[in-house]
Protein backbone atom coordinates (compact mmCIF):
# COMPACT_ATOMS: atom_id res chain seq x y z
CA MET A 1 160.03 -174.53 -6.60
CA MET A 2 162.40 -172.96 -9.23
CA MET A 3 159.96 -173.57 -12.02
CA LEU A 4 157.26 -171.79 -10.00
CA ASP A 5 159.44 -168.81 -9.38
CA LYS A 6 160.38 -168.63 -13.14
CA ARG A 7 156.65 -168.68 -14.10
CA LEU A 8 155.89 -165.97 -11.59
CA ILE A 9 158.77 -163.78 -12.93
CA GLU A 10 157.50 -164.41 -16.45
CA GLN A 11 153.98 -163.33 -15.46
CA ALA A 12 155.25 -160.26 -13.81
CA GLU A 13 157.10 -159.11 -16.91
CA HIS A 14 153.64 -158.88 -18.65
CA ILE A 15 151.96 -156.89 -16.08
CA ASP A 16 151.15 -153.30 -17.37
CA LEU A 17 152.33 -151.31 -14.46
CA SER A 18 151.46 -148.02 -16.23
CA ARG A 19 147.83 -148.51 -14.79
CA CYS A 20 149.11 -148.72 -11.27
CA PHE A 21 151.42 -145.58 -11.60
CA LYS A 22 148.47 -143.77 -13.28
CA LYS A 23 146.20 -144.51 -10.28
CA ALA A 24 148.92 -143.69 -7.63
CA ASP A 25 149.58 -140.32 -9.60
CA LYS A 26 145.88 -139.64 -9.40
CA ILE A 27 145.75 -140.18 -5.78
CA LEU A 28 148.81 -138.09 -5.12
CA ALA A 29 147.40 -135.19 -7.35
CA GLN A 30 144.06 -135.48 -5.31
CA ARG A 31 146.00 -135.29 -2.06
CA ARG A 32 148.03 -132.33 -3.09
CA ILE A 33 144.78 -130.36 -4.37
CA ARG A 34 143.23 -131.19 -1.03
CA ASP A 35 146.32 -130.00 0.98
CA SER A 36 146.47 -126.98 -1.03
CA GLY A 37 142.76 -126.18 -0.49
CA ILE A 38 143.17 -126.83 3.24
CA THR A 39 145.93 -124.14 3.43
CA LYS A 40 143.53 -121.80 1.51
CA LEU A 41 140.74 -122.32 4.07
CA ALA A 42 142.84 -120.47 6.54
CA VAL A 43 142.65 -117.22 4.47
CA HIS A 44 139.37 -115.74 5.87
CA ALA A 45 136.75 -114.13 3.70
CA GLY A 46 135.51 -110.61 4.66
CA SER A 47 133.22 -110.08 7.62
CA ASP A 48 130.09 -109.39 5.32
CA SER A 49 131.02 -112.45 3.06
CA PRO A 50 128.37 -115.17 2.68
CA TRP A 51 128.40 -118.44 4.39
CA LEU A 52 128.08 -121.98 2.81
CA VAL A 53 126.26 -124.95 4.39
CA LEU A 54 127.80 -128.28 4.57
CA LYS A 55 125.86 -131.41 4.97
CA VAL A 56 127.42 -133.91 7.39
CA MET A 57 126.89 -137.23 8.95
CA THR A 58 124.30 -137.14 11.79
CA GLY A 59 125.87 -136.73 15.09
CA ARG A 60 129.07 -135.36 13.51
CA GLU A 61 128.17 -131.71 13.38
CA ILE A 62 130.37 -130.58 16.31
CA GLU A 63 133.25 -132.78 15.30
CA VAL A 64 133.32 -131.54 11.77
CA GLY A 65 133.08 -128.07 13.04
CA GLU A 66 135.92 -128.28 15.27
CA ALA A 67 138.04 -130.04 12.54
CA LEU A 68 137.27 -127.00 10.25
CA LYS A 69 138.36 -124.48 12.93
CA LYS A 70 141.53 -126.54 13.63
CA ALA A 71 142.29 -126.23 9.74
CA GLY A 72 141.68 -122.46 10.01
CA ALA A 73 138.23 -122.04 8.52
CA GLU A 74 135.41 -120.43 10.15
CA SER A 75 132.53 -122.70 11.16
CA LEU A 76 129.41 -122.27 13.23
CA VAL A 77 127.19 -125.07 14.64
CA PRO A 78 124.24 -123.18 16.33
CA MET A 79 123.19 -124.99 19.45
CA LYS A 80 119.86 -125.45 21.53
CA MET A 81 118.83 -127.26 24.56
CA GLY A 82 117.09 -130.57 23.86
CA LYS A 83 114.30 -132.18 25.43
CA LYS A 84 113.83 -133.12 29.15
CA ILE A 85 113.80 -136.83 29.67
CA ARG A 86 111.82 -138.54 32.31
CA ARG A 87 112.79 -141.90 32.97
CA ARG A 88 111.80 -144.05 36.10
CA HIS A 89 110.25 -141.04 37.80
CA GLN A 90 113.53 -138.97 37.41
CA GLU A 91 113.90 -135.89 35.35
CA ILE A 92 117.07 -135.90 33.39
CA GLU A 93 118.13 -132.37 32.48
CA PRO A 94 118.36 -131.50 28.66
CA LYS A 95 121.57 -131.47 26.84
CA PRO A 96 122.77 -129.01 24.12
CA GLU A 97 122.29 -130.21 20.51
CA PRO A 98 122.79 -128.79 17.10
CA VAL A 99 119.80 -126.72 15.98
CA PHE A 100 120.06 -128.41 12.52
CA ILE A 101 120.72 -132.18 12.64
CA GLY A 102 123.20 -132.86 9.80
CA TYR A 103 124.10 -129.26 8.83
CA LEU A 104 126.54 -126.51 9.76
CA PHE A 105 127.77 -123.26 8.53
CA THR A 106 131.14 -122.41 7.18
CA ARG A 107 132.89 -119.58 5.56
CA CYS A 108 136.06 -119.33 3.47
CA VAL A 109 137.21 -117.74 0.24
CA ILE A 110 135.19 -119.68 -2.29
CA SER A 111 137.20 -121.47 -5.08
CA TYR A 112 137.61 -124.85 -6.59
CA ASP A 113 140.55 -125.63 -4.22
CA THR A 114 138.51 -124.70 -0.89
CA MET A 115 135.56 -126.58 -2.24
CA ALA A 116 137.40 -129.72 -2.78
CA ALA A 117 139.08 -129.35 0.63
CA LEU A 118 135.81 -129.00 2.51
CA ILE A 119 134.37 -132.12 0.80
CA GLY A 120 137.54 -133.87 1.63
CA PHE A 121 136.89 -133.68 5.51
CA GLU A 122 135.93 -136.82 7.24
CA HIS A 123 132.00 -137.08 7.97
CA VAL A 124 131.39 -134.46 5.16
CA ILE A 125 128.61 -135.60 2.85
CA GLY A 126 128.69 -132.74 0.57
CA ILE A 127 127.92 -129.01 0.05
CA LEU A 128 124.36 -127.93 0.06
CA GLY A 129 123.59 -126.68 -3.39
CA GLY A 130 126.46 -128.52 -5.03
CA TYR A 131 130.18 -127.97 -5.56
CA GLU A 132 129.88 -125.46 -8.34
CA SER A 133 126.88 -123.39 -7.25
CA PRO A 134 126.65 -123.53 -3.40
CA HIS A 135 123.75 -122.29 -1.54
CA LEU A 136 125.01 -119.25 0.12
CA LEU A 137 123.52 -117.46 3.21
CA SER A 138 124.26 -113.80 4.17
CA ALA A 139 126.47 -113.06 6.98
CA LYS A 140 123.81 -110.91 8.61
CA ASN A 141 121.21 -113.75 8.53
CA VAL A 142 123.76 -116.46 9.74
CA LEU A 143 125.18 -114.47 12.61
CA SER A 144 121.47 -113.37 13.78
CA PHE A 145 120.30 -116.96 13.54
CA ASN A 146 123.37 -117.99 15.90
CA GLU A 147 122.56 -115.26 18.26
CA LYS A 148 118.81 -116.44 18.51
CA ALA A 149 120.24 -119.90 19.21
CA LYS A 150 122.50 -118.66 22.14
CA LYS A 151 119.39 -116.81 23.64
CA GLY A 152 117.46 -119.96 23.82
CA LYS A 153 114.85 -119.15 20.92
CA PHE A 154 114.97 -122.61 19.42
CA ASP A 155 115.23 -124.57 22.70
CA HIS A 156 112.98 -127.63 22.76
CA GLU A 157 110.78 -126.67 25.69
CA VAL A 158 109.88 -123.15 24.38
CA PRO A 159 106.13 -123.14 23.38
CA GLN A 160 105.47 -122.64 19.66
CA GLU A 161 102.73 -122.93 17.03
CA VAL A 162 101.23 -126.25 16.73
CA PHE A 163 101.69 -127.98 13.42
CA ARG A 164 100.01 -131.14 11.97
CA ARG A 165 101.18 -133.65 9.42
CA GLY A 166 100.49 -132.41 5.99
CA MET A 167 100.35 -128.74 6.75
CA LYS A 168 102.38 -126.34 4.27
CA VAL A 169 104.84 -124.14 5.99
CA HIS A 170 107.08 -121.16 5.26
CA ILE A 171 110.72 -121.51 6.71
CA ARG A 172 111.42 -118.08 8.29
CA ASP A 173 115.07 -118.61 9.29
CA GLY A 174 118.19 -120.85 9.32
CA VAL A 175 119.59 -123.03 6.55
CA PHE A 176 116.41 -123.15 4.30
CA ALA A 177 115.21 -119.49 5.07
CA GLY A 178 112.72 -118.36 2.50
CA TYR A 179 111.80 -121.81 1.24
CA SER A 180 108.46 -123.64 1.76
CA GLY A 181 107.86 -127.16 3.00
CA ILE A 182 105.17 -129.58 4.14
CA ILE A 183 105.19 -131.19 7.69
CA ILE A 184 106.07 -134.84 7.52
CA ALA A 185 106.10 -135.63 11.25
CA GLY A 186 106.18 -133.98 14.61
CA GLY A 187 105.01 -130.47 15.67
CA HIS A 188 101.66 -131.43 17.11
CA GLU A 189 102.76 -130.85 20.67
CA GLY A 190 103.89 -127.27 19.92
CA LYS A 191 107.32 -127.74 21.31
CA GLY A 192 110.60 -129.02 20.04
CA THR A 193 111.14 -129.99 16.21
CA ALA A 194 109.27 -131.23 13.24
CA VAL A 195 110.43 -133.13 10.01
CA VAL A 196 109.74 -130.95 7.13
CA GLY A 197 109.86 -131.83 3.59
CA VAL A 198 111.54 -128.88 2.07
CA GLU A 199 111.05 -128.01 -1.54
CA PHE A 200 114.57 -127.11 -2.55
CA LEU A 201 116.37 -127.12 -5.94
CA GLY A 202 113.64 -129.04 -7.61
CA GLY A 203 113.37 -131.67 -5.05
CA VAL A 204 111.92 -132.35 -1.63
CA ASN A 205 114.43 -132.93 1.26
CA PRO A 206 113.30 -134.23 4.56
CA VAL A 207 114.92 -132.03 7.32
CA ILE A 208 114.70 -131.90 11.03
CA MET A 209 114.05 -128.31 12.22
CA PRO A 210 112.83 -126.26 15.29
CA LEU A 211 109.18 -125.12 15.25
CA ALA A 212 110.33 -121.61 16.13
CA ILE A 213 111.39 -120.88 12.64
CA LEU A 214 108.25 -122.30 11.12
CA GLN A 215 105.01 -120.36 9.86
CA SER A 216 101.90 -122.08 8.79
CA LEU A 217 100.51 -121.23 5.35
């Protein structure tokens, strides 16, 4: 037993602890940066300042939005009424759901600290457009879009134009306003949503969006 203890002690003497310390220092530094950024999130930007778009895990939009508000940041998760469900001859009333699945709007004073803080929130995947050159939306357009959502313009049951798979469309409003895309799925009933392959920053991103913001080309 004594020989084993001596051997372990000798091995421990040759361990390079500097690597462990460097890793710990890096973790602490990252935590300090994030904490500093969270504090800065509470400093609101001007009322006419642009909004950022956060990419979040599906189904976590409201949760992330509430976490941002708790930290003092501004956030918006525009909501719409979902689809009526008919099950066993019973009609289940529609429930509110985010207009854009996997996305939400947030606004803050833009800096490396605040960007790092936003990315550090649980369930946040990233910032649309990237950390260094985020995709910005005007305050006027974001607030107008949110008001339309409140008035039920994007609700599932509101009749819209019929879209077919493969159709090219122009996106008139919301996160990808001004961009074009191709219908990948949905839209053929003229109600609800469609999956659109959005041509964005040199790539094609599949996004679920309401038919109400689409226009056929």
